[in-house]
């Protein structure tokens, strides 16, 4: 903690004000450095988590960092498969995402609703575990049981919470 000694005089008080303004600017600069480092770490972790996810279909997730308001960053995942990868799909896999219910992601009840079935088909890429099946009319459909919850963003938040104290100590030395 920084200590500022102030002589009781107009010049001393003016000097203390200048010193406090320098310290305030230093704090703002360091806080932005901390935010940038957290955002880059979060980007790296979330990107890796989405990339390694088990997913039947096209994993089209793209992760980026957005600067929101002054002093705010957001790690953002976009793509048609984001929610299916984050929260999982189908009734075959456990409903184990700790935040699924509060976000309205009840297993088998979102998407086209096919997840209420043990197996369903779709047209597209087989992905990780999908099985291609050629129908009598010659069309190929992919059969799936759904996907386990990967919890990419949830795990990213937990990781960032874990490294925050150490990172803050590094940045604010």
Protein backbone atom coordinates (compact mmCIF):
# COMPACT_ATOMS: atom_id res chain seq x y z
CA UNK A 1 0.00 0.00 0.00
CA UNK A 2 1.33 3.41 -0.96
CA UNK A 3 1.81 6.00 1.78
CA UNK A 4 1.65 9.72 1.12
CA UNK A 5 2.88 12.17 3.75
CA UNK A 6 1.24 15.58 3.57
CA UNK A 7 2.75 18.67 5.19
CA UNK A 8 0.00 20.91 6.48
CA UNK A 9 0.44 23.72 3.99
CA UNK A 10 -1.15 24.77 0.72
CA UNK A 11 1.90 23.54 -1.23
CA UNK A 12 1.85 20.25 0.68
CA UNK A 13 -1.84 19.70 -0.04
CA UNK A 14 -1.38 20.61 -3.72
CA UNK A 15 1.48 18.11 -3.90
CA UNK A 16 -0.68 15.43 -2.24
CA UNK A 17 -3.45 16.04 -4.78
CA UNK A 18 -0.97 15.65 -7.68
CA UNK A 19 0.39 12.47 -6.08
CA UNK A 20 -3.13 11.05 -5.68
CA UNK A 21 -3.94 11.86 -9.32
CA UNK A 22 -0.77 10.03 -10.46
CA UNK A 23 -1.70 7.07 -8.28
CA UNK A 24 -5.28 7.05 -9.64
CA UNK A 25 -3.94 7.03 -13.24
CA UNK A 26 -1.54 4.20 -12.35
CA UNK A 27 -4.45 2.19 -10.89
CA UNK A 28 -6.58 2.71 -14.03
CA UNK A 29 -3.70 1.66 -16.27
CA UNK A 30 -2.97 -1.45 -14.20
CA UNK A 31 -6.68 -2.37 -14.04
CA UNK A 32 -6.87 -2.29 -17.85
CA UNK A 33 -3.76 -4.46 -18.06
CA UNK A 34 -5.40 -6.95 -15.68
CA UNK A 35 -8.58 -6.97 -17.77
CA UNK A 36 -6.62 -7.51 -20.98
CA UNK A 37 -4.63 -10.39 -19.48
CA UNK A 38 -7.77 -12.04 -18.11
CA UNK A 39 -9.51 -11.60 -21.46
CA UNK A 40 -6.63 -13.16 -23.40
CA UNK A 41 -6.41 -16.09 -20.98
CA UNK A 42 -10.18 -16.55 -21.21
CA UNK A 43 -10.04 -16.43 -25.00
CA UNK A 44 -7.36 -19.11 -25.03
CA UNK A 45 -9.17 -21.42 -22.58
CA UNK A 46 -12.64 -21.03 -24.15
CA UNK A 47 -11.28 -21.54 -27.68
CA UNK A 48 -9.46 -24.72 -26.63
CA UNK A 49 -12.51 -26.04 -24.77
CA UNK A 50 -14.85 -25.51 -27.71
CA UNK A 51 -12.33 -26.97 -30.17
CA UNK A 52 -11.99 -30.24 -28.24
CA UNK A 53 -15.72 -30.66 -27.55
CA UNK A 54 -17.53 -33.85 -28.49
CA UNK A 55 -20.17 -32.67 -30.91
CA UNK A 56 -22.22 -34.50 -33.53
CA UNK A 57 -22.50 -31.94 -36.31
CA UNK A 58 -20.51 -28.96 -37.47
CA UNK A 59 -18.63 -27.28 -34.62
CA UNK A 60 -18.83 -23.72 -35.94
CA UNK A 61 -17.93 -21.94 -32.71
CA UNK A 62 -15.79 -18.83 -32.94
CA UNK A 63 -14.55 -17.19 -29.73
CA UNK A 64 -13.43 -13.58 -29.46
CA UNK A 65 -12.89 -10.81 -26.93
CA UNK A 66 -15.06 -7.70 -27.10
CA UNK A 67 -14.41 -4.47 -25.28
CA UNK A 68 -17.72 -3.46 -23.80
CA UNK A 69 -17.86 -0.31 -21.69
CA UNK A 70 -14.73 1.41 -20.44
CA UNK A 71 -13.10 -1.08 -18.11
CA UNK A 72 -15.10 -4.09 -19.30
CA UNK A 73 -14.22 -7.02 -21.53
CA UNK A 74 -16.38 -9.94 -22.64
CA UNK A 75 -15.36 -13.34 -23.94
CA UNK A 76 -17.95 -14.10 -26.60
CA UNK A 77 -18.67 -17.41 -28.31
CA UNK A 78 -20.80 -17.34 -31.48
CA UNK A 79 -22.06 -20.07 -33.78
CA UNK A 80 -25.09 -22.27 -34.30
CA UNK A 81 -23.56 -24.99 -32.13
CA UNK A 82 -22.57 -22.90 -29.08
CA UNK A 83 -25.52 -23.76 -26.81
CA UNK A 84 -25.58 -27.41 -27.87
CA UNK A 85 -21.89 -27.75 -27.01
CA UNK A 86 -22.03 -25.72 -23.80
CA UNK A 87 -25.12 -27.38 -22.30
CA UNK A 88 -25.20 -30.71 -24.16
CA UNK A 89 -28.10 -32.26 -26.04
CA UNK A 90 -30.27 -35.33 -25.80
CA UNK A 91 -31.56 -37.38 -22.89
CA UNK A 92 -28.82 -40.03 -23.19
CA UNK A 93 -26.17 -37.86 -21.53
CA UNK A 94 -26.41 -36.55 -17.96
CA UNK A 95 -27.85 -33.11 -17.39
CA UNK A 96 -24.81 -31.99 -15.41
CA UNK A 97 -24.22 -28.35 -16.39
CA UNK A 98 -24.60 -26.43 -13.10
CA UNK A 99 -26.21 -23.41 -14.79
CA UNK A 100 -28.37 -25.11 -17.43
CA UNK A 101 -31.73 -24.73 -15.68
CA UNK A 102 -31.25 -21.05 -14.84
CA UNK A 103 -30.59 -20.39 -18.56
CA UNK A 104 -33.65 -22.38 -19.68
CA UNK A 105 -31.56 -25.23 -21.12
CA UNK A 106 -33.57 -28.24 -19.99
CA UNK A 107 -32.25 -31.43 -21.54
CA UNK A 108 -34.23 -32.44 -24.61
CA UNK A 109 -36.37 -29.29 -24.62
CA UNK A 110 -34.39 -26.87 -26.79
CA UNK A 111 -33.32 -26.85 -30.41
CA UNK A 112 -35.84 -28.73 -32.56
CA UNK A 113 -36.89 -30.81 -29.54
CA UNK A 114 -35.56 -34.08 -30.99
CA UNK A 115 -33.39 -34.50 -27.89
CA UNK A 116 -36.35 -36.04 -26.07
CA UNK A 117 -35.72 -39.17 -28.14
CA UNK A 118 -32.88 -41.63 -27.51
CA UNK A 119 -31.71 -41.30 -31.14
CA UNK A 120 -32.61 -38.91 -33.93
CA UNK A 121 -31.29 -38.00 -37.34
CA UNK A 122 -30.17 -34.87 -39.08
CA UNK A 123 -28.58 -33.90 -42.39
CA UNK A 124 -25.03 -32.62 -42.20
CA UNK A 125 -21.62 -33.57 -40.86
CA UNK A 126 -21.30 -36.57 -38.55
CA UNK A 127 -18.99 -34.75 -36.16
CA UNK A 128 -17.50 -36.67 -33.23
CA UNK A 129 -19.92 -39.56 -32.63
CA UNK A 130 -22.62 -39.26 -35.31
CA UNK A 131 -23.20 -42.33 -37.45
CA UNK A 132 -24.02 -41.90 -41.13
CA UNK A 133 -26.95 -43.97 -42.38
CA UNK A 134 -28.03 -44.20 -46.00
CA UNK A 135 -31.80 -44.28 -46.33
CA UNK A 136 -33.52 -46.46 -48.96
CA UNK A 137 -34.04 -43.35 -51.13
CA UNK A 138 -30.23 -42.83 -51.21
CA UNK A 139 -30.14 -39.79 -48.91
CA UNK A 140 -27.63 -39.94 -46.07
CA UNK A 141 -28.76 -38.97 -42.61
CA UNK A 142 -26.61 -38.76 -39.50
CA UNK A 143 -27.91 -40.60 -36.45
CA UNK A 144 -27.04 -39.17 -33.04
CA UNK A 145 -27.74 -39.66 -29.35
CA UNK A 146 -26.85 -36.03 -28.70
CA UNK A 147 -23.80 -34.63 -27.00
CA UNK A 148 -22.47 -34.37 -23.46
CA UNK A 149 -22.30 -30.90 -21.93
CA UNK A 150 -18.82 -29.55 -22.63
CA UNK A 151 -19.28 -26.53 -20.31
CA UNK A 152 -16.68 -24.53 -22.26
CA UNK A 153 -17.67 -21.10 -20.97
CA UNK A 154 -18.52 -22.33 -17.46
CA UNK A 155 -15.07 -23.92 -17.15
CA UNK A 156 -13.45 -20.76 -18.54
CA UNK A 157 -15.07 -18.68 -15.80
CA UNK A 158 -13.91 -21.15 -13.13
CA UNK A 159 -10.37 -21.04 -14.54
CA UNK A 160 -10.31 -17.24 -14.53
CA UNK A 161 -11.61 -17.12 -10.96
CA UNK A 162 -8.78 -19.45 -9.97
CA UNK A 163 -5.98 -17.40 -11.53
CA UNK A 164 -7.33 -13.94 -10.65
CA UNK A 165 -5.58 -13.51 -7.28
CA UNK A 166 -2.14 -14.47 -8.66
CA UNK A 167 -2.61 -12.39 -11.80
CA UNK A 168 -3.75 -9.35 -9.79
CA UNK A 169 -0.65 -9.62 -7.60
CA UNK A 170 1.57 -9.70 -10.70
CA UNK A 171 -0.14 -6.73 -12.36
CA UNK A 172 -0.41 -4.48 -9.32
CA UNK A 173 3.18 -4.88 -8.03
